[in-house]
């Protein structure tokens, strides 16, 4: 079960932003910022942000591939694997 993100009111963030930044950096977990009792923003370490962006890009590529396959523009897996093997064989020479 995933760990629930920590929550901090915006007033606490204003009072000690440096501590909030240290917590995010050290825990590698998101920090949910609330205002008037409602979640309004999420603070992430740069590493977590970059990882999330990388994963989002991969998901976009997969979704695009699925759309291409559904439209009949995809490639047969066996043909792709044969081409990849041929390219790898050329590189190893």
PDB file of N, CA and C in Angstrom:
ATOM      1  N   UNK A   1       0.848  -1.175   0.000  1.00  0.00           N
ATOM      2  CA  UNK A   1       0.000   0.000   0.000  1.00  0.00           C
ATOM      3  C   UNK A   1       0.897   1.242   0.000  1.00  0.00           C
ATOM      4  N   UNK A   2       0.657   2.192  -0.933  1.00  0.00           N
ATOM      5  CA  UNK A   2       1.496   3.380  -0.987  1.00  0.00           C
ATOM      6  C   UNK A   2       1.336   4.244   0.261  1.00  0.00           C
ATOM      7  N   UNK A   3       2.434   4.872   0.602  1.00  0.00           N
ATOM      8  CA  UNK A   3       2.441   5.757   1.757  1.00  0.00           C
ATOM      9  C   UNK A   3       1.665   7.029   1.419  1.00  0.00           C
ATOM     10  N   UNK A   4       0.831   7.470   2.347  1.00  0.00           N
ATOM     11  CA  UNK A   4       0.073   8.701   2.132  1.00  0.00           C
ATOM     12  C   UNK A   4       1.010   9.897   2.225  1.00  0.00           C
ATOM     13  N   UNK A   5       0.845  10.880   1.340  1.00  0.00           N
ATOM     14  CA  UNK A   5       1.725  12.044   1.397  1.00  0.00           C
ATOM     15  C   UNK A   5       1.467  12.875   2.661  1.00  0.00           C
ATOM     16  N   UNK A   6       2.521  13.529   3.101  1.00  0.00           N
ATOM     17  CA  UNK A   6       2.388  14.402   4.257  1.00  0.00           C
ATOM     18  C   UNK A   6       1.664  15.672   3.829  1.00  0.00           C
ATOM     19  N   UNK A   7       0.926  16.251   4.758  1.00  0.00           N
ATOM     20  CA  UNK A   7       0.131  17.452   4.485  1.00  0.00           C
ATOM     21  C   UNK A   7       0.622  18.568   5.391  1.00  0.00           C
ATOM     22  N   UNK A   8       0.731  19.780   4.814  1.00  0.00           N
ATOM     23  CA  UNK A   8       1.156  20.939   5.587  1.00  0.00           C
ATOM     24  C   UNK A   8       0.286  22.141   5.193  1.00  0.00           C
ATOM     25  N   UNK A   9      -0.227  22.869   6.181  1.00  0.00           N
ATOM     26  CA  UNK A   9      -0.991  24.081   5.853  1.00  0.00           C
ATOM     27  C   UNK A   9      -0.066  25.161   5.285  1.00  0.00           C
ATOM     28  N   UNK A  10      -0.591  25.976   4.420  1.00  0.00           N
ATOM     29  CA  UNK A  10       0.202  27.032   3.797  1.00  0.00           C
ATOM     30  C   UNK A  10       0.772  27.990   4.853  1.00  0.00           C
ATOM     31  N   UNK A  11       0.061  28.190   5.960  1.00  0.00           N
ATOM     32  CA  UNK A  11       0.599  29.073   7.010  1.00  0.00           C
ATOM     33  C   UNK A  11       1.867  28.483   7.615  1.00  0.00           C
ATOM     34  N   UNK A  12       1.921  27.165   7.810  1.00  0.00           N
ATOM     35  CA  UNK A  12       3.140  26.530   8.308  1.00  0.00           C
ATOM     36  C   UNK A  12       4.259  26.629   7.282  1.00  0.00           C
ATOM     37  N   UNK A  13       3.911  26.496   6.019  1.00  0.00           N
ATOM     38  CA  UNK A  13       4.904  26.625   4.956  1.00  0.00           C
ATOM     39  C   UNK A  13       5.503  28.025   4.959  1.00  0.00           C
ATOM     40  N   UNK A  14       4.664  29.040   5.111  1.00  0.00           N
ATOM     41  CA  UNK A  14       5.145  30.426   5.167  1.00  0.00           C
ATOM     42  C   UNK A  14       6.088  30.639   6.343  1.00  0.00           C
ATOM     43  N   UNK A  15       5.775  30.022   7.463  1.00  0.00           N
ATOM     44  CA  UNK A  15       6.577  30.226   8.674  1.00  0.00           C
ATOM     45  C   UNK A  15       7.940  29.551   8.579  1.00  0.00           C
ATOM     46  N   UNK A  16       8.026  28.400   7.922  1.00  0.00           N
ATOM     47  CA  UNK A  16       9.297  27.695   7.859  1.00  0.00           C
ATOM     48  C   UNK A  16       9.430  26.926   6.543  1.00  0.00           C
ATOM     49  N   UNK A  17       9.584  27.678   5.455  1.00  0.00           N
ATOM     50  CA  UNK A  17       9.699  27.062   4.132  1.00  0.00           C
ATOM     51  C   UNK A  17      10.957  26.202   4.029  1.00  0.00           C
ATOM     52  N   UNK A  18      12.036  26.621   4.675  1.00  0.00           N
ATOM     53  CA  UNK A  18      13.283  25.858   4.602  1.00  0.00           C
ATOM     54  C   UNK A  18      13.099  24.459   5.185  1.00  0.00           C
ATOM     55  N   UNK A  19      12.365  24.336   6.279  1.00  0.00           N
ATOM     56  CA  UNK A  19      12.121  23.020   6.877  1.00  0.00           C
ATOM     57  C   UNK A  19      11.291  22.153   5.941  1.00  0.00           C
ATOM     58  N   UNK A  20      10.316  22.748   5.278  1.00  0.00           N
ATOM     59  CA  UNK A  20       9.486  21.992   4.330  1.00  0.00           C
ATOM     60  C   UNK A  20      10.344  21.495   3.164  1.00  0.00           C
ATOM     61  N   UNK A  21      11.236  22.337   2.686  1.00  0.00           N
ATOM     62  CA  UNK A  21      12.125  21.930   1.595  1.00  0.00           C
ATOM     63  C   UNK A  21      13.053  20.800   2.031  1.00  0.00           C
ATOM     64  N   UNK A  22      13.583  20.891   3.231  1.00  0.00           N
ATOM     65  CA  UNK A  22      14.448  19.818   3.746  1.00  0.00           C
ATOM     66  C   UNK A  22      13.678  18.498   3.828  1.00  0.00           C
ATOM     67  N   UNK A  23      12.440  18.585   4.297  1.00  0.00           N
ATOM     68  CA  UNK A  23      11.609  17.383   4.445  1.00  0.00           C
ATOM     69  C   UNK A  23      11.349  16.738   3.085  1.00  0.00           C
ATOM     70  N   UNK A  24      11.030  17.535   2.091  1.00  0.00           N
ATOM     71  CA  UNK A  24      10.754  17.020   0.746  1.00  0.00           C
ATOM     72  C   UNK A  24      12.004  16.397   0.152  1.00  0.00           C
ATOM     73  N   UNK A  25      13.135  17.080   0.322  1.00  0.00           N
ATOM     74  CA  UNK A  25      14.397  16.561  -0.219  1.00  0.00           C
ATOM     75  C   UNK A  25      14.806  15.255   0.450  1.00  0.00           C
ATOM     76  N   UNK A  26      14.699  15.202   1.758  1.00  0.00           N
ATOM     77  CA  UNK A  26      15.174  14.018   2.479  1.00  0.00           C
ATOM     78  C   UNK A  26      14.234  12.821   2.345  1.00  0.00           C
ATOM     79  N   UNK A  27      12.939  13.067   2.321  1.00  0.00           N
ATOM     80  CA  UNK A  27      11.978  11.956   2.266  1.00  0.00           C
ATOM     81  C   UNK A  27      11.724  11.456   0.854  1.00  0.00           C
ATOM     82  N   UNK A  28      12.025  12.287  -0.150  1.00  0.00           N
ATOM     83  CA  UNK A  28      11.737  11.961  -1.560  1.00  0.00           C
ATOM     84  C   UNK A  28      10.244  11.731  -1.796  1.00  0.00           C
ATOM     85  N   UNK A  29       9.424  12.215  -0.879  1.00  0.00           N
ATOM     86  CA  UNK A  29       7.968  12.068  -0.965  1.00  0.00           C
ATOM     87  C   UNK A  29       7.334  13.429  -1.202  1.00  0.00           C
ATOM     88  N   UNK A  30       6.171  13.478  -1.862  1.00  0.00           N
ATOM     89  CA  UNK A  30       5.492  14.758  -2.072  1.00  0.00           C
ATOM     90  C   UNK A  30       4.959  15.323  -0.769  1.00  0.00           C
ATOM     91  N   UNK A  31       4.819  16.611  -0.745  1.00  0.00           N
ATOM     92  CA  UNK A  31       4.268  17.325   0.401  1.00  0.00           C
ATOM     93  C   UNK A  31       3.046  18.088  -0.106  1.00  0.00           C
ATOM     94  N   UNK A  32       1.878  17.742   0.407  1.00  0.00           N
ATOM     95  CA  UNK A  32       0.637  18.395  -0.013  1.00  0.00           C
ATOM     96  C   UNK A  32       0.452  19.657   0.821  1.00  0.00           C
ATOM     97  N   UNK A  33       0.219  20.764   0.136  1.00  0.00           N
ATOM     98  CA  UNK A  33       0.017  22.046   0.810  1.00  0.00           C
ATOM     99  C   UNK A  33      -1.469  22.362   0.775  1.00  0.00           C
ATOM    100  N   UNK A  34      -2.006  22.689   1.950  1.00  0.00           N
ATOM    101  CA  UNK A  34      -3.435  22.991   2.040  1.00  0.00           C
ATOM    102  C   UNK A  34      -3.649  24.471   2.326  1.00  0.00           C
ATOM    103  N   UNK A  35      -4.801  24.934   1.912  1.00  0.00           N
ATOM    104  CA  UNK A  35      -5.236  26.304   2.196  1.00  0.00           C
ATOM    105  C   UNK A  35      -6.714  26.227   2.549  1.00  0.00           C
ATOM    106  N   UNK A  36      -7.040  26.736   3.718  1.00  0.00           N
ATOM    107  CA  UNK A  36      -8.409  26.664   4.239  1.00  0.00           C
ATOM    108  C   UNK A  36      -8.914  25.220   4.280  1.00  0.00           C
ATOM    109  N   UNK A  37      -8.020  24.307   4.636  1.00  0.00           N
ATOM    110  CA  UNK A  37      -8.395  22.911   4.799  1.00  0.00           C
ATOM    111  C   UNK A  37      -8.504  22.094   3.523  1.00  0.00           C
ATOM    112  N   UNK A  38      -8.182  22.690   2.391  1.00  0.00           N
ATOM    113  CA  UNK A  38      -8.268  21.971   1.110  1.00  0.00           C
ATOM    114  C   UNK A  38      -6.897  21.891   0.454  1.00  0.00           C
ATOM    115  N   UNK A  39      -6.613  20.763  -0.158  1.00  0.00           N
ATOM    116  CA  UNK A  39      -5.352  20.597  -0.881  1.00  0.00           C
ATOM    117  C   UNK A  39      -5.314  21.578  -2.047  1.00  0.00           C
ATOM    118  N   UNK A  40      -4.233  22.347  -2.145  1.00  0.00           N
ATOM    119  CA  UNK A  40      -4.128  23.331  -3.221  1.00  0.00           C
ATOM    120  C   UNK A  40      -2.879  23.176  -4.075  1.00  0.00           C
ATOM    121  N   UNK A  41      -1.849  22.508  -3.544  1.00  0.00           N
ATOM    122  CA  UNK A  41      -0.608  22.353  -4.302  1.00  0.00           C
ATOM    123  C   UNK A  41       0.162  21.156  -3.757  1.00  0.00           C
ATOM    124  N   UNK A  42       1.144  20.730  -4.545  1.00  0.00           N
ATOM    125  CA  UNK A  42       2.023  19.639  -4.139  1.00  0.00           C
ATOM    126  C   UNK A  42       3.460  20.096  -4.351  1.00  0.00           C
ATOM    127  N   UNK A  43       4.293  19.877  -3.349  1.00  0.00           N
ATOM    128  CA  UNK A  43       5.710  20.203  -3.440  1.00  0.00           C
ATOM    129  C   UNK A  43       6.476  18.896  -3.611  1.00  0.00           C
ATOM    130  N   UNK A  44       7.372  18.868  -4.625  1.00  0.00           N
ATOM    131  CA  UNK A  44       8.177  17.679  -4.907  1.00  0.00           C
ATOM    132  C   UNK A  44       9.648  18.050  -4.929  1.00  0.00           C
ATOM    133  N   UNK A  45      10.503  17.079  -4.619  1.00  0.00           N
ATOM    134  CA  UNK A  45      11.927  17.286  -4.829  1.00  0.00           C
ATOM    135  C   UNK A  45      12.160  17.313  -6.334  1.00  0.00           C
ATOM    136  N   UNK A  46      13.254  17.900  -6.754  1.00  0.00           N
ATOM    137  CA  UNK A  46      13.539  17.966  -8.188  1.00  0.00           C
ATOM    138  C   UNK A  46      13.728  16.564  -8.760  1.00  0.00           C
ATOM    139  N   UNK A  47      14.302  15.667  -7.966  1.00  0.00           N
ATOM    140  CA  UNK A  47      14.480  14.292  -8.437  1.00  0.00           C
ATOM    141  C   UNK A  47      13.140  13.611  -8.681  1.00  0.00           C
ATOM    142  N   UNK A  48      12.211  13.793  -7.752  1.00  0.00           N
ATOM    143  CA  UNK A  48      10.881  13.197  -7.905  1.00  0.00           C
ATOM    144  C   UNK A  48      10.152  13.802  -9.101  1.00  0.00           C
ATOM    145  N   UNK A  49      10.306  15.101  -9.290  1.00  0.00           N
ATOM    146  CA  UNK A  49       9.671  15.776 -10.427  1.00  0.00           C
ATOM    147  C   UNK A  49      10.232  15.242 -11.740  1.00  0.00           C
ATOM    148  N   UNK A  50      11.558  15.138 -11.835  1.00  0.00           N
ATOM    149  CA  UNK A  50      12.177  14.650 -13.070  1.00  0.00           C
ATOM    150  C   UNK A  50      11.771  13.206 -13.356  1.00  0.00           C
ATOM    151  N   UNK A  51      11.697  12.380 -12.325  1.00  0.00           N
ATOM    152  CA  UNK A  51      11.265  10.992 -12.506  1.00  0.00           C
ATOM    153  C   UNK A  51       9.815  10.936 -12.999  1.00  0.00           C
ATOM    154  N   UNK A  52       8.956  11.751 -12.410  1.00  0.00           N
ATOM    155  CA  UNK A  52       7.554  11.782 -12.825  1.00  0.00           C
ATOM    156  C   UNK A  52       7.424  12.245 -14.275  1.00  0.00           C
ATOM    157  N   UNK A  53       8.227  13.238 -14.662  1.00  0.00           N
ATOM    158  CA  UNK A  53       8.188  13.725 -16.050  1.00  0.00           C
ATOM    159  C   UNK A  53       8.656  12.637 -17.011  1.00  0.00           C
ATOM    160  N   UNK A  54       9.698  11.910 -16.636  1.00  0.00           N
ATOM    161  CA  UNK A  54      10.205  10.823 -17.472  1.00  0.00           C
ATOM    162  C   UNK A  54       9.125   9.752 -17.648  1.00  0.00           C
ATOM    163  N   UNK A  55       8.472   9.382 -16.568  1.00  0.00           N
ATOM    164  CA  UNK A  55       7.413   8.376 -16.635  1.00  0.00           C
ATOM    165  C   UNK A  55       6.246   8.872 -17.475  1.00  0.00           C
ATOM    166  N   UNK A  56       5.899  10.149 -17.358  1.00  0.00           N
ATOM    167  CA  UNK A  56       4.814  10.713 -18.172  1.00  0.00           C
ATOM    168  C   UNK A  56       5.151  10.649 -19.658  1.00  0.00           C
ATOM    169  N   UNK A  57       6.415  10.941 -20.002  1.00  0.00           N
ATOM    170  CA  UNK A  57       6.833  10.868 -21.403  1.00  0.00           C
ATOM    171  C   UNK A  57       6.708   9.442 -21.938  1.00  0.00           C
ATOM    172  N   UNK A  58       7.120   8.464 -21.126  1.00  0.00           N
ATOM    173  CA  UNK A  58       6.995   7.063 -21.547  1.00  0.00           C
ATOM    174  C   UNK A  58       5.534   6.680 -21.764  1.00  0.00           C
ATOM    175  N   UNK A  59       4.667   7.114 -20.864  1.00  0.00           N
ATOM    176  CA  UNK A  59       3.237   6.821 -21.012  1.00  0.00           C
ATOM    177  C   UNK A  59       2.662   7.473 -22.266  1.00  0.00           C
ATOM    178  N   UNK A  60       3.108   8.690 -22.570  1.00  0.00           N
ATOM    179  CA  UNK A  60       2.644   9.352 -23.803  1.00  0.00           C
ATOM    180  C   UNK A  60       3.074   8.556 -25.037  1.00  0.00           C
ATOM    181  N   UNK A  61       4.325   8.071 -25.025  1.00  0.00           N
ATOM    182  CA  UNK A  61       4.804   7.275 -26.157  1.00  0.00           C
ATOM    183  C   UNK A  61       4.010   5.984 -26.302  1.00  0.00           C
ATOM    184  N   UNK A  62       3.725   5.338 -25.187  1.00  0.00           N
ATOM    185  CA  UNK A  62       2.923   4.117 -25.240  1.00  0.00           C
ATOM    186  C   UNK A  62       1.517   4.395 -25.762  1.00  0.00           C
ATOM    187  N   UNK A  63       0.918   5.478 -25.296  1.00  0.00           N
ATOM    188  CA  UNK A  63      -0.426   5.836 -25.764  1.00  0.00           C
ATOM    189  C   UNK A  63      -0.413   6.138 -27.258  1.00  0.00           C
ATOM    190  N   UNK A  64       0.625   6.842 -27.720  1.00  0.00           N
ATOM    191  CA  UNK A  64       0.717   7.141 -29.152  1.00  0.00           C
ATOM    192  C   UNK A  64       0.854   5.848 -29.947  1.00  0.00           C
ATOM    193  N   UNK A  65       1.660   4.907 -29.442  1.00  0.00           N
ATOM    194  CA  UNK A  65       1.808   3.623 -30.122  1.00  0.00           C
ATOM    195  C   UNK A  65       0.495   2.868 -30.194  1.00  0.00           C
ATOM    196  N   UNK A  66      -0.271   2.890 -29.108  1.00  0.00           N
ATOM    197  CA  UNK A  66      -1.574   2.214 -29.116  1.00  0.00           C
ATOM    198  C   UNK A  66      -2.517   2.856 -30.124  1.00  0.00           C
ATOM    199  N   UNK A  67      -2.491   4.189 -30.220  1.00  0.00           N
ATOM    200  CA  UNK A  67      -3.346   4.873 -31.215  1.00  0.00           C
ATOM    201  C   UNK A  67      -2.925   4.498 -32.632  1.00  0.00           C
ATOM    202  N   UNK A  68      -1.604   4.414 -32.866  1.00  0.00           N
ATOM    203  CA  UNK A  68      -1.122   4.033 -34.191  1.00  0.00           C
ATOM    204  C   UNK A  68      -1.539   2.613 -34.536  1.00  0.00           C
ATOM    205  N   UNK A  69      -1.444   1.717 -33.580  1.00  0.00           N
ATOM    206  CA  UNK A  69      -1.855   0.326 -33.819  1.00  0.00           C
ATOM    207  C   UNK A  69      -3.351   0.266 -34.124  1.00  0.00           C
ATOM    208  N   UNK A  70      -4.159   0.993 -33.353  1.00  0.00           N
ATOM    209  CA  UNK A  70      -5.609   1.002 -33.575  1.00  0.00           C
ATOM    210  C   UNK A  70      -5.956   1.571 -34.943  1.00  0.00           C
ATOM    211  N   UNK A  71      -5.129   2.487 -35.442  1.00  0.00           N
ATOM    212  CA  UNK A  71      -5.374   3.089 -36.753  1.00  0.00           C
ATOM    213  C   UNK A  71      -4.753   2.269 -37.878  1.00  0.00           C
ATOM    214  N   UNK A  72      -4.154   1.120 -37.531  1.00  0.00           N
ATOM    215  CA  UNK A  72      -3.563   0.274 -38.554  1.00  0.00           C
ATOM    216  C   UNK A  72      -2.196   0.726 -39.009  1.00  0.00           C
ATOM    217  N   UNK A  73      -1.561   1.610 -38.260  1.00  0.00           N
ATOM    218  CA  UNK A  73      -0.243   2.101 -38.649  1.00  0.00           C
ATOM    219  C   UNK A  73       0.876   1.467 -37.819  1.00  0.00           C
ATOM    220  N   UNK A  74       0.551   0.494 -37.016  1.00  0.00           N
ATOM    221  CA  UNK A  74       1.555  -0.134 -36.162  1.00  0.00           C
ATOM    222  C   UNK A  74       2.415  -1.112 -36.945  1.00  0.00           C
ATOM    223  N   UNK A  75       3.393  -1.684 -36.276  1.00  0.00           N
ATOM    224  CA  UNK A  75       4.310  -2.631 -36.893  1.00  0.00           C
ATOM    225  C   UNK A  75       4.179  -3.974 -36.191  1.00  0.00           C
ATOM    226  N   UNK A  76       4.366  -5.021 -36.939  1.00  0.00           N
ATOM    227  CA  UNK A  76       4.330  -6.366 -36.406  1.00  0.00           C
ATOM    228  C   UNK A  76       5.507  -6.556 -35.456  1.00  0.00           C
ATOM    229  N   UNK A  77       5.262  -7.145 -34.293  1.00  0.00           N
ATOM    230  CA  UNK A  77       6.303  -7.329 -33.286  1.00  0.00           C
ATOM    231  C   UNK A  77       7.474  -8.130 -33.830  1.00  0.00           C
ATOM    232  N   UNK A  78       7.195  -9.194 -34.550  1.00  0.00           N
ATOM    233  CA  UNK A  78       8.279 -10.024 -35.100  1.00  0.00           C
ATOM    234  C   UNK A  78       9.156  -9.225 -36.049  1.00  0.00           C
ATOM    235  N   UNK A  79       8.550  -8.358 -36.864  1.00  0.00           N
ATOM    236  CA  UNK A  79       9.329  -7.537 -37.797  1.00  0.00           C
ATOM    237  C   UNK A  79      10.198  -6.542 -37.036  1.00  0.00           C
ATOM    238  N   UNK A  80       9.666  -5.959 -35.992  1.00  0.00           N
ATOM    239  CA  UNK A  80      10.433  -5.003 -35.183  1.00  0.00           C
ATOM    240  C   UNK A  80      11.610  -5.704 -34.520  1.00  0.00           C
ATOM    241  N   UNK A  81      11.367  -6.906 -33.973  1.00  0.00           N
ATOM    242  CA  UNK A  81      12.441  -7.639 -33.316  1.00  0.00           C
ATOM    243  C   UNK A  81      13.520  -8.062 -34.309  1.00  0.00           C
ATOM    244  N   UNK A  82      13.129  -8.467 -35.507  1.00  0.00           N
ATOM    245  CA  UNK A  82      14.115  -8.832 -36.540  1.00  0.00           C
ATOM    246  C   UNK A  82      14.969  -7.613 -36.896  1.00  0.00           C
ATOM    247  N   UNK A  83      14.320  -6.462 -37.073  1.00  0.00           N
ATOM    248  CA  UNK A  83      15.060  -5.244 -37.414  1.00  0.00           C
ATOM    249  C   UNK A  83      16.002  -4.841 -36.273  1.00  0.00           C
ATOM    250  N   UNK A  84      15.543  -4.960 -35.032  1.00  0.00           N
ATOM    251  CA  UNK A  84      16.383  -4.632 -33.880  1.00  0.00           C
ATOM    252  C   UNK A  84      17.581  -5.574 -33.814  1.00  0.00           C
ATOM    253  N   UNK A  85      17.353  -6.864 -34.041  1.00  0.00           N
ATOM    254  CA  UNK A  85      18.455  -7.831 -34.043  1.00  0.00           C
ATOM    255  C   UNK A  85      19.472  -7.497 -35.127  1.00  0.00           C
ATOM    256  N   UNK A  86      18.971  -7.109 -36.291  1.00  0.00           N
ATOM    257  CA  UNK A  86      19.877  -6.753 -37.390  1.00  0.00           C
ATOM    258  C   UNK A  86      20.704  -5.521 -37.039  1.00  0.00           C
ATOM    259  N   UNK A  87      20.068  -4.532 -36.443  1.00  0.00           N
ATOM    260  CA  UNK A  87      20.802  -3.324 -36.041  1.00  0.00           C
ATOM    261  C   UNK A  87      21.847  -3.633 -34.973  1.00  0.00           C
ATOM    262  N   UNK A  88      21.485  -4.461 -34.025  1.00  0.00           N
ATOM    263  CA  UNK A  88      22.435  -4.841 -32.970  1.00  0.00           C
ATOM    264  C   UNK A  88      23.594  -5.639 -33.549  1.00  0.00           C
ATOM    265  N   UNK A  89      23.328  -6.494 -34.532  1.00  0.00           N
ATOM    266  CA  UNK A  89      24.373  -7.286 -35.168  1.00  0.00           C
ATOM    267  C   UNK A  89      25.341  -6.370 -35.913  1.00  0.00           C
ATOM    268  N   UNK A  90      24.831  -5.346 -36.575  1.00  0.00           N
ATOM    269  CA  UNK A  90      25.677  -4.389 -37.286  1.00  0.00           C
ATOM    270  C   UNK A  90      26.566  -3.619 -36.320  1.00  0.00           C
ATOM    271  N   UNK A  91      26.017  -3.234 -35.179  1.00  0.00           N
ATOM    272  CA  UNK A  91      26.774  -2.465 -34.201  1.00  0.00           C
ATOM    273  C   UNK A  91      27.894  -3.285 -33.571  1.00  0.00           C
ATOM    274  N   UNK A  92      27.683  -4.590 -33.443  1.00  0.00           N
ATOM    275  CA  UNK A  92      28.688  -5.426 -32.789  1.00  0.00           C
ATOM    276  C   UNK A  92      29.859  -5.770 -33.707  1.00  0.00           C
ATOM    277  N   UNK A  93      29.747  -5.457 -34.976  1.00  0.00           N
ATOM    278  CA  UNK A  93      30.835  -5.761 -35.945  1.00  0.00           C
ATOM    279  C   UNK A  93      31.937  -4.764 -35.842  1.00  0.00           C
TER     280      UNK A  93
END
